Protein backbone atom coordinates (compact mmCIF):
# COMPACT_ATOMS: atom_id res chain seq x y z
CA MET A 1 -23.34 3.32 -17.53
CA GLY A 2 -21.76 2.16 -14.24
CA ARG A 3 -24.91 0.89 -12.50
CA PRO A 4 -26.47 -0.97 -15.48
CA GLU A 5 -23.09 -2.53 -16.25
CA LEU A 6 -22.74 -3.61 -12.62
CA THR A 7 -26.17 -5.25 -12.83
CA VAL A 8 -25.19 -7.19 -15.95
CA ASN A 9 -21.82 -8.31 -14.59
CA ARG A 10 -23.16 -9.22 -11.17
CA THR A 11 -25.84 -11.35 -12.81
CA LEU A 12 -23.35 -12.91 -15.21
CA GLY A 13 -20.99 -13.89 -12.40
CA PHE A 14 -23.88 -15.19 -10.30
CA ALA A 15 -25.02 -17.38 -13.19
CA GLY A 16 -21.46 -18.63 -13.61
CA ALA A 17 -21.20 -19.46 -9.91
CA ILE A 18 -24.46 -21.42 -10.07
CA ALA A 19 -23.15 -23.40 -13.05
CA ILE A 20 -19.93 -24.16 -11.17
CA ALA A 21 -21.87 -25.25 -8.08
CA ILE A 22 -24.13 -27.55 -10.10
CA GLY A 23 -21.06 -28.96 -11.83
CA GLY A 24 -19.59 -29.64 -8.40
CA LEU A 25 -22.62 -31.73 -7.46
CA ALA A 26 -21.85 -34.01 -10.40
CA ALA A 27 -18.06 -33.89 -10.69
CA GLY A 28 -16.63 -32.23 -7.59
CA ALA A 29 -14.26 -33.72 -5.01
CA LEU A 30 -16.98 -35.95 -3.55
CA PRO A 31 -16.60 -38.04 -0.39
CA GLN A 32 -16.93 -41.81 -0.49
CA ARG A 33 -19.96 -41.71 1.78
CA ASP A 34 -22.27 -38.94 0.69
CA PRO A 35 -25.74 -38.71 2.25
CA PHE A 36 -26.96 -36.74 -0.77
CA GLU A 37 -25.98 -39.25 -3.45
CA HIS A 38 -29.41 -40.88 -3.54
CA TRP A 39 -31.37 -37.64 -3.80
CA PRO A 40 -33.20 -37.71 -7.17
CA VAL A 41 -31.64 -34.63 -8.81
CA VAL A 42 -28.17 -35.33 -7.42
CA ARG A 43 -28.34 -38.98 -8.52
CA GLU A 44 -29.21 -37.96 -12.07
CA LEU A 45 -26.44 -35.36 -12.19
CA ARG A 46 -23.83 -37.84 -11.02
CA ALA A 47 -24.81 -40.27 -13.75
CA PHE A 48 -23.22 -37.81 -16.20
CA PRO A 49 -19.96 -36.53 -14.63
CA LEU A 50 -18.63 -35.22 -17.96
CA VAL A 51 -21.67 -32.97 -18.23
CA GLY A 52 -20.73 -31.72 -14.76
CA VAL A 53 -17.19 -30.95 -15.96
CA ALA A 54 -18.50 -29.08 -19.01
CA GLY A 55 -20.98 -27.16 -16.86
CA THR A 56 -18.25 -26.21 -14.42
CA TYR A 57 -16.08 -24.79 -17.18
CA LEU A 58 -19.02 -22.97 -18.71
CA GLY A 59 -19.50 -21.35 -15.31
CA LEU A 60 -15.78 -20.60 -14.98
CA ALA A 61 -15.80 -18.77 -18.30
CA LEU A 62 -18.83 -16.70 -17.26
CA LEU A 63 -17.43 -15.90 -13.81
CA CYS A 64 -14.02 -14.89 -15.13
CA GLY A 65 -15.64 -12.85 -17.89
CA ALA A 66 -17.83 -11.01 -15.39
CA TRP A 67 -14.79 -10.32 -13.19
CA LEU A 68 -12.79 -8.91 -16.08
CA ARG A 69 -15.68 -6.73 -17.25
CA LEU A 70 -16.15 -5.28 -13.77
CA ARG A 71 -12.70 -3.73 -14.00
CA ALA A 72 -13.78 -1.19 -16.63
CA THR A 73 -16.27 0.51 -14.30
CA LEU A 74 -14.55 0.13 -10.93
CA ASP A 75 -14.15 3.85 -10.41
CA GLU A 76 -17.92 4.25 -10.69
CA GLN A 77 -18.62 1.61 -8.03
CA SER A 78 -18.37 1.76 -4.25
CA PRO A 79 -16.73 -0.73 -1.89
CA GLY A 80 -20.25 -1.71 -0.84
CA ASP A 81 -21.05 -2.60 -4.44
CA MET A 82 -18.02 -4.87 -4.55
CA ILE A 83 -18.94 -6.60 -1.29
CA LYS A 84 -22.53 -7.20 -2.43
CA THR A 85 -21.25 -8.63 -5.70
CA LEU A 86 -18.89 -10.90 -3.79
CA LEU A 87 -21.75 -12.20 -1.66
CA TRP A 88 -23.82 -13.03 -4.74
CA TRP A 89 -20.92 -14.79 -6.44
CA ALA A 90 -19.76 -16.66 -3.34
CA ALA A 91 -23.16 -17.90 -2.12
CA PRO A 92 -23.60 -20.76 -4.65
CA LEU A 93 -19.99 -21.86 -4.19
CA ALA A 94 -20.41 -22.03 -0.42
CA LEU A 95 -23.18 -24.61 -0.89
CA THR A 96 -21.44 -26.98 -3.31
CA PRO A 97 -19.29 -30.01 -2.41
CA PRO A 98 -15.51 -29.39 -2.23
CA MET A 99 -14.10 -28.58 -5.65
CA PHE A 100 -10.75 -28.48 -7.47
CA SER A 101 -8.89 -30.28 -4.66
CA ARG A 102 -9.33 -33.03 -2.08
CA ASP A 103 -7.12 -31.32 0.51
CA VAL A 104 -10.06 -30.70 2.82
CA TYR A 105 -10.27 -34.43 3.47
CA SER A 106 -6.61 -34.44 4.52
CA TYR A 107 -7.39 -31.61 6.94
CA LEU A 108 -10.19 -33.65 8.49
CA ALA A 109 -8.06 -36.77 8.83
CA GLN A 110 -5.19 -34.81 10.36
CA GLY A 111 -7.60 -33.09 12.74
CA ALA A 112 -8.96 -36.50 13.76
CA MET A 113 -5.41 -37.71 14.38
CA VAL A 114 -4.76 -34.78 16.71
CA ALA A 115 -8.08 -35.35 18.48
CA ASP A 116 -7.16 -39.03 18.96
CA GLY A 117 -3.69 -38.25 20.28
CA LEU A 118 -1.79 -39.40 17.17
CA ASP A 119 1.23 -37.38 16.03
CA ALA A 120 0.15 -35.89 12.69
CA TYR A 121 3.69 -34.57 12.19
CA LYS A 122 5.12 -38.09 12.31
CA PHE A 123 2.43 -40.30 10.78
CA GLY A 124 0.10 -40.05 7.80
CA PRO A 125 -3.69 -40.50 7.68
CA SER A 126 -3.28 -44.23 6.96
CA SER A 127 -2.34 -44.68 10.63
CA LEU A 128 -5.76 -43.28 11.56
CA GLY A 129 -7.87 -45.52 9.33
CA GLY A 130 -11.63 -45.21 9.22
CA PRO A 131 -13.96 -43.19 6.98
CA LEU A 132 -12.10 -39.86 7.22
CA ALA A 133 -8.77 -41.35 6.15
CA ALA A 134 -10.48 -43.22 3.31
CA ASN A 135 -11.23 -39.92 1.57
CA VAL A 136 -7.58 -38.82 1.53
CA PRO A 137 -5.79 -39.26 -1.83
CA GLN A 138 -3.30 -42.10 -1.91
CA ILE A 139 -0.34 -39.75 -2.40
CA TRP A 140 -0.98 -38.22 1.04
CA GLN A 141 -1.90 -41.37 2.97
CA ASP A 142 1.55 -41.81 4.50
CA THR A 143 2.80 -38.20 4.61
CA PRO A 144 2.84 -36.03 7.74
CA ALA A 145 0.85 -32.80 7.97
CA PRO A 146 2.76 -29.78 6.61
CA TYR A 147 0.55 -27.27 8.44
CA GLY A 148 1.29 -25.36 11.58
CA PRO A 149 -0.15 -26.24 15.01
CA VAL A 150 -2.73 -23.42 14.96
CA PHE A 151 -4.52 -24.97 12.01
CA LEU A 152 -4.27 -28.55 13.24
CA ARG A 153 -5.87 -27.53 16.52
CA ALA A 154 -8.66 -25.78 14.61
CA ALA A 155 -9.19 -28.89 12.45
CA ALA A 156 -9.23 -31.07 15.56
CA GLY A 157 -11.87 -28.80 17.07
CA VAL A 158 -14.07 -29.22 14.00
CA VAL A 159 -13.69 -33.01 14.03
CA GLU A 160 -14.53 -33.18 17.73
CA VAL A 161 -17.90 -31.63 16.83
CA THR A 162 -18.60 -33.44 13.54
CA GLY A 163 -17.07 -36.84 14.31
CA ASP A 164 -16.43 -39.25 11.42
CA HIS A 165 -19.00 -37.59 9.14
CA ALA A 166 -16.97 -36.21 6.24
CA VAL A 167 -19.78 -34.03 4.89
CA TYR A 168 -20.40 -32.39 8.26
CA GLY A 169 -16.67 -31.97 8.68
CA VAL A 170 -16.41 -30.23 5.32
CA TRP A 171 -19.17 -27.84 6.39
CA GLY A 172 -17.32 -27.14 9.63
CA LEU A 173 -14.06 -26.38 7.85
CA ARG A 174 -15.89 -24.30 5.24
CA ILE A 175 -17.24 -22.10 8.05
CA VAL A 176 -13.65 -21.66 9.25
CA ALA A 177 -12.51 -20.82 5.71
CA LEU A 178 -15.35 -18.34 5.24
CA ALA A 179 -14.28 -16.60 8.45
CA GLY A 180 -10.84 -16.14 6.86
CA VAL A 181 -12.43 -14.75 3.68
CA ALA A 182 -14.49 -12.37 5.79
CA LEU A 183 -11.29 -11.05 7.39
CA VAL A 184 -9.88 -10.35 3.93
CA VAL A 185 -13.01 -8.47 2.90
CA VAL A 186 -13.16 -6.41 6.09
CA CYS A 187 -9.46 -5.54 6.18
CA LEU A 188 -8.64 -4.86 2.53
CA PRO A 189 -10.30 -1.41 2.28
CA GLY A 190 -8.52 -0.12 5.38
CA ILE A 191 -5.09 -1.30 4.23
CA ALA A 192 -5.68 0.11 0.75
CA ALA A 193 -6.75 3.51 2.10
CA ARG A 194 -3.44 3.84 3.97
CA PHE A 195 -1.53 3.62 0.69
CA GLY A 196 -3.84 5.58 -1.59
CA VAL A 197 -5.34 2.57 -3.35
CA PRO A 198 -9.07 2.90 -4.15
CA PRO A 199 -10.82 0.38 -1.84
CA GLN A 200 -13.10 -0.92 -4.60
CA ARG A 201 -10.04 -1.74 -6.71
CA ALA A 202 -8.43 -3.58 -3.81
CA LEU A 203 -11.62 -5.59 -3.25
CA TRP A 204 -11.94 -6.37 -6.95
CA PHE A 205 -8.49 -7.93 -7.25
CA GLY A 206 -8.10 -9.26 -3.72
CA ALA A 207 -11.59 -10.48 -2.77
CA LEU A 208 -13.64 -10.96 -5.94
CA ASN A 209 -10.70 -12.70 -7.59
CA PRO A 210 -11.83 -16.01 -9.13
CA LEU A 211 -8.94 -17.81 -7.41
CA LEU A 212 -10.28 -16.81 -4.00
CA LEU A 213 -13.83 -17.84 -4.87
CA LEU A 214 -12.79 -21.17 -6.37
CA HIS A 215 -10.12 -22.29 -3.92
CA LEU A 216 -11.02 -20.69 -0.60
CA VAL A 217 -14.84 -20.74 -0.82
CA ALA A 218 -15.47 -23.77 -3.05
CA GLY A 219 -12.15 -25.51 -2.38
CA VAL A 220 -12.09 -24.96 1.43
CA HIS A 221 -8.32 -24.51 1.56
CA ASN A 222 -6.79 -23.56 4.88
CA ASP A 223 -4.98 -20.76 3.06
CA ALA A 224 -8.20 -18.81 3.73
CA VAL A 225 -7.38 -18.61 7.43
CA MET A 226 -3.70 -17.88 6.79
CA VAL A 227 -4.47 -15.07 4.34
CA GLY A 228 -7.27 -13.73 6.52
CA LEU A 229 -5.05 -13.49 9.61
CA MET A 230 -2.26 -11.96 7.53
CA ALA A 231 -4.67 -9.35 6.16
CA ALA A 232 -5.85 -8.59 9.69
CA GLY A 233 -2.24 -8.17 10.78
CA LEU A 234 -1.46 -5.81 7.91
CA TYR A 235 -4.61 -3.85 8.70
CA CYS A 236 -3.52 -3.42 12.33
CA ALA A 237 -0.05 -2.38 11.14
CA ALA A 238 -1.60 0.19 8.80
CA LYS A 239 -3.64 1.50 11.75
CA ARG A 240 -0.47 1.81 13.87
CA ARG A 241 -1.11 -1.13 16.17
CA PRO A 242 2.11 -3.07 15.58
CA MET A 243 1.91 -5.37 18.61
CA LEU A 244 -1.49 -6.78 17.66
CA ALA A 245 -0.38 -6.90 14.03
CA THR A 246 2.61 -9.01 15.01
CA ALA A 247 0.53 -11.47 17.00
CA LEU A 248 -1.93 -11.95 14.14
CA ILE A 249 0.80 -12.51 11.57
CA VAL A 250 2.57 -15.00 13.83
CA ALA A 251 -0.74 -16.87 14.11
CA ALA A 252 -0.97 -16.87 10.30
CA ALA A 253 2.59 -18.20 10.06
CA LEU A 254 1.64 -21.04 12.40
CA ILE A 255 -0.81 -22.12 9.73
CA LYS A 256 1.55 -21.69 6.79
CA VAL A 257 5.04 -20.31 7.34
CA PRO A 258 5.31 -17.88 4.36
CA ALA A 259 2.91 -15.50 6.12
CA ALA A 260 5.83 -14.54 8.37
CA ILE A 261 7.17 -12.35 5.55
CA ALA A 262 4.41 -9.88 6.41
CA LEU A 263 6.26 -9.11 9.64
CA ILE A 264 8.65 -7.08 7.50
CA ALA A 265 5.80 -4.70 6.69
CA VAL A 266 4.99 -4.35 10.39
CA VAL A 267 8.59 -3.37 11.13
CA ALA A 268 8.71 -0.99 8.16
CA LEU A 269 5.54 0.77 9.28
CA ALA A 270 6.73 1.09 12.89
CA PRO A 271 10.54 1.29 12.72
CA THR A 272 10.89 2.87 16.16
CA LYS A 273 9.24 -0.14 17.81
CA ILE A 274 11.42 -2.93 16.47
CA LEU A 275 12.35 -4.23 19.92
CA ARG A 276 8.74 -4.30 21.09
CA ILE A 277 7.69 -6.01 17.84
CA GLY A 278 10.35 -8.65 18.38
CA VAL A 279 9.21 -9.28 21.93
CA ALA A 280 5.56 -9.42 20.83
CA GLY A 281 6.42 -11.86 18.06
CA ALA A 282 8.39 -14.14 20.35
CA GLY A 283 5.64 -14.02 22.96
CA ALA A 284 2.93 -14.84 20.43
CA LEU A 285 4.97 -17.69 18.97
CA LEU A 286 5.68 -19.21 22.37
CA SER A 287 2.11 -18.77 23.61
CA LEU A 288 0.47 -20.28 20.54
CA GLN A 289 2.97 -23.11 20.38
CA LEU A 290 2.41 -24.03 24.01
CA ALA A 291 -1.37 -23.65 23.72
CA ALA A 292 -1.44 -25.99 20.73
CA ASP A 293 0.69 -28.54 22.61
CA LEU A 294 1.71 -30.33 19.42
CA GLY A 295 5.47 -29.98 19.61
CA LEU A 296 7.81 -28.76 16.89
CA GLY A 297 7.31 -31.59 14.43
CA TRP A 298 5.65 -29.19 11.98
CA ILE A 299 9.07 -27.71 11.18
CA GLY A 300 10.40 -30.99 9.82
CA ALA A 301 7.14 -31.68 7.97
CA LEU A 302 7.38 -28.49 5.90
CA LYS A 303 9.00 -30.44 3.06
CA THR A 304 5.88 -32.60 2.55
CA PRO A 305 4.27 -30.52 -0.25
CA THR A 306 7.45 -30.65 -2.38
CA THR A 307 6.61 -34.22 -3.40
CA VAL A 308 3.99 -32.93 -5.88
CA ARG A 309 4.62 -32.19 -9.54
CA ASN A 310 1.72 -30.53 -11.34
CA GLY A 311 3.49 -28.59 -14.10
CA LEU A 312 3.16 -25.14 -12.50
CA SER A 313 6.60 -24.98 -10.89
CA PHE A 314 9.09 -24.13 -13.63
CA SER A 315 12.06 -25.00 -11.40
CA THR A 316 10.75 -28.52 -10.74
CA ASP A 317 9.80 -28.99 -14.40
CA ILE A 318 13.28 -27.97 -15.58
CA ALA A 319 14.90 -30.13 -12.91
CA MET A 320 12.89 -33.18 -13.98
CA LEU A 321 13.76 -32.64 -17.64
CA VAL A 322 17.46 -32.30 -16.83
CA GLY A 323 17.27 -35.37 -14.62
CA GLU A 324 15.69 -37.42 -17.39
CA ALA A 325 18.45 -36.23 -19.72
CA GLY A 326 21.08 -37.93 -17.58
CA TRP A 327 21.74 -35.80 -14.49
CA PRO A 328 19.77 -37.59 -11.77
CA GLY A 329 21.01 -35.29 -9.00
CA ALA A 330 19.75 -32.15 -10.71
CA THR A 331 16.36 -31.89 -9.05
CA GLN A 332 17.46 -30.61 -5.67
CA ALA A 333 20.21 -28.41 -7.06
CA ILE A 334 17.98 -26.63 -9.59
CA ARG A 335 15.19 -26.23 -7.06
CA THR A 336 17.62 -24.70 -4.57
CA VAL A 337 19.07 -22.28 -7.13
CA ALA A 338 15.60 -21.22 -8.27
CA LEU A 339 14.41 -20.67 -4.71
CA GLY A 340 17.54 -18.65 -3.99
CA LEU A 341 16.82 -16.48 -7.03
CA GLY A 342 13.25 -16.04 -5.82
CA CYS A 343 14.54 -14.91 -2.43
CA LEU A 344 16.83 -12.37 -4.10
CA ILE A 345 13.91 -10.97 -6.09
CA ALA A 346 11.86 -10.91 -2.89
CA ALA A 347 14.58 -8.94 -1.09
CA TRP A 348 14.77 -6.47 -3.99
CA ALA A 349 10.97 -6.05 -3.92
CA LEU A 350 10.94 -5.39 -0.19
CA LEU A 351 13.54 -2.64 -0.69
CA ARG A 352 12.19 -1.04 -3.87
CA ALA A 353 8.40 -1.47 -3.77
CA PRO A 354 6.29 1.71 -3.46
CA ASN A 355 5.19 0.73 0.05
CA PRO A 356 5.81 -2.11 2.55
CA VAL A 357 2.54 -3.95 1.85
CA ALA A 358 3.15 -4.00 -1.90
CA GLY A 359 6.68 -5.18 -1.15
CA VAL A 360 5.33 -8.11 0.88
CA GLY A 361 2.98 -9.04 -1.97
CA ILE A 362 5.68 -8.97 -4.63
CA ALA A 363 8.08 -10.85 -2.36
CA LEU A 364 5.53 -13.59 -1.72
CA ALA A 365 4.83 -13.80 -5.46
CA ALA A 366 8.53 -14.32 -6.17
CA ILE A 367 8.89 -17.00 -3.53
CA VAL A 368 5.80 -18.85 -4.77
CA LEU A 369 6.66 -18.66 -8.47
CA PHE A 370 10.29 -19.69 -7.95
CA GLY A 371 9.41 -22.35 -5.39
CA PRO A 372 9.59 -26.12 -5.86
CA VAL A 373 5.81 -26.57 -5.90
CA VAL A 374 3.09 -24.16 -7.04
CA HIS A 375 -0.64 -24.58 -6.58
CA PRO A 376 -3.16 -22.01 -7.83
CA TRP A 377 -4.27 -21.18 -4.27
CA TYR A 378 -0.67 -20.36 -3.29
CA LEU A 379 -0.97 -17.26 -5.48
CA LEU A 380 -3.56 -15.91 -3.05
CA TRP A 381 -0.74 -15.28 -0.55
CA PRO A 382 0.62 -12.40 -2.65
CA ILE A 383 -2.65 -11.38 -4.29
CA VAL A 384 -4.14 -9.90 -1.10
CA PRO A 385 -1.22 -7.58 -0.20
CA ILE A 386 -0.69 -6.67 -3.87
CA ALA A 387 -4.37 -5.71 -4.14
CA ALA A 388 -4.03 -3.41 -1.11
CA GLY A 389 -0.61 -2.00 -1.95
CA LEU A 390 -0.52 -1.39 -5.71
CA ARG A 391 -2.69 1.25 -7.36
CA GLN A 392 -2.41 -0.51 -10.72
CA VAL A 393 -2.26 -4.30 -10.86
CA PRO A 394 -0.15 -5.52 -13.81
CA PRO A 395 -2.28 -7.02 -16.61
CA ALA A 396 -0.11 -10.15 -16.49
CA ALA A 397 -1.24 -10.74 -12.92
CA VAL A 398 -4.89 -10.33 -13.89
CA TRP A 399 -4.67 -12.72 -16.83
CA GLY A 400 -2.55 -15.10 -14.81
CA CYS A 401 -5.41 -15.39 -12.31
CA VAL A 402 -7.82 -16.22 -15.13
CA GLY A 403 -5.47 -18.85 -16.54
CA LEU A 404 -4.98 -20.50 -13.14
CA ALA A 405 -8.73 -20.46 -12.53
CA LEU A 406 -9.09 -22.76 -15.54
CA PHE A 407 -6.18 -25.02 -14.62
CA LEU A 408 -7.79 -27.66 -12.40
CA LEU A 409 -10.68 -30.04 -13.02
CA PRO A 410 -13.56 -29.85 -10.52
CA GLY A 411 -12.73 -33.20 -8.93
CA GLY A 412 -9.20 -32.16 -8.07
CA ALA A 413 -7.73 -35.29 -9.70
CA PRO A 414 -5.37 -35.33 -12.71
CA GLY A 415 -7.13 -34.82 -16.01
CA TYR A 416 -8.13 -37.65 -18.32
CA PRO A 417 -8.82 -37.13 -22.03
CA GLU A 418 -12.63 -37.21 -21.87
CA ALA A 419 -12.71 -34.72 -19.00
CA VAL A 420 -10.30 -32.39 -20.78
CA VAL A 421 -12.50 -32.47 -23.88
CA ALA A 422 -15.57 -31.71 -21.75
CA ALA A 423 -13.70 -28.83 -20.10
CA VAL A 424 -12.75 -27.37 -23.48
CA ILE A 425 -16.34 -27.66 -24.73
CA GLY A 426 -17.67 -25.89 -21.64
CA THR A 427 -15.07 -23.14 -21.86
CA VAL A 428 -15.71 -22.53 -25.56
CA ALA A 429 -19.45 -22.37 -24.93
CA GLY A 430 -18.88 -19.78 -22.20
CA LEU A 431 -16.56 -17.71 -24.38
CA LEU A 432 -19.05 -17.76 -27.24
CA TYR A 433 -21.75 -16.52 -24.90
CA LEU A 434 -19.51 -13.70 -23.71
CA ARG A 435 -18.55 -12.84 -27.27
CA LEU A 436 -22.13 -12.69 -28.55
CA ARG A 437 -23.31 -10.79 -25.44
CA PRO A 438 -27.02 -11.54 -25.55
CA PRO A 439 -29.23 -9.56 -23.16
CA VAL A 440 -28.79 -10.63 -19.53
CA PRO A 441 -31.85 -10.36 -17.26
CA ALA A 442 -31.25 -8.61 -13.94
CA LEU A 443 -31.51 -11.65 -11.69
CA VAL A 444 -29.79 -9.94 -8.74
CA PRO A 445 -30.46 -6.48 -7.32
CA VAL A 446 -28.07 -3.56 -7.34
CA GLY A 447 -28.01 -1.04 -4.56
């Protein structure tokens, strides 16, 4: 039954991805100046954005359903089967406009600032002006970039090629993000094999995960490069190349700092080379910092993301409720206590996990979940090492990924009642289809 079931689920997920991509054409995170907006089919789709929202959620239900059903026959599939399925599911999402977030436009504006000699760690995109800054949400117009110098230099390189054309810039950054996803796909099987995890299981949870498809492929988040470099570092550590592993993880940390936790796995896998690992890490940090030539302003800008409240951070939600009840100074105190608790859980995980890579994954999960701000794509930081390090992924983690996949509207903006209703209608339609299980034609090949 393994091969026929793979055919059905691959087709089901492919159909879901197409529905999501079409929904993105109508209701995605669209730029202000879009050269495709006057194309006949696109123009008609955008006349009905709520239909786009419903179609997106129909596709989300089908994609998540296909992903869950794949789990039952994983032991009958090969890693090659998983990679081919990923390619089919990812292809439509790589062609759609940005979805579920407008962060990619901030990346472009910040890259343009660097290219123009403006300090992106001191000023916000409003100081840049022009068409790229116009696409940045108002909440981020006057905030400095919270990303490390490695990413800002990469973004600046893209903008130097694409100029002020937002659509071309999105394509450039999507190529960068897809390179990060490719690193995850290439490295996961090797890391998993070191710790006795079936490679196809690691690829199922770590690469075919709906969160990766939605937020790294469709959403173009720079977490793709961070996670990809971290996966490459863990792969090198698993293959007993700790110096190269250290350099790669330092590069990942100079995109987003939490990747540095993976250095603990490098040390744990090569305990006799701690001094050399330390020297390699310091050398990589200094070299990349000097090569970027952007100063140390990124350290002070790390607090920028904490200004968001989206309901996913329980510590911030509790702090806001307590503050509204009459303790205005509670926010920072509760956030600090929660983050401290998360760090304690992370330390426990690093000491008690079955292997160092699993420990890194659980530690990152604790830090994200107890942190002051949580976005669905942040959960990809722990998902990749957990996929490679744990033989059995907890069901709560699997269902949590499904729930987070349904959390954001395709445009990346806060929900409004009509859009929420459309999303519910699309989701229910998808669930009914999955429940009734009509015959699915084999639209995509297997083998």
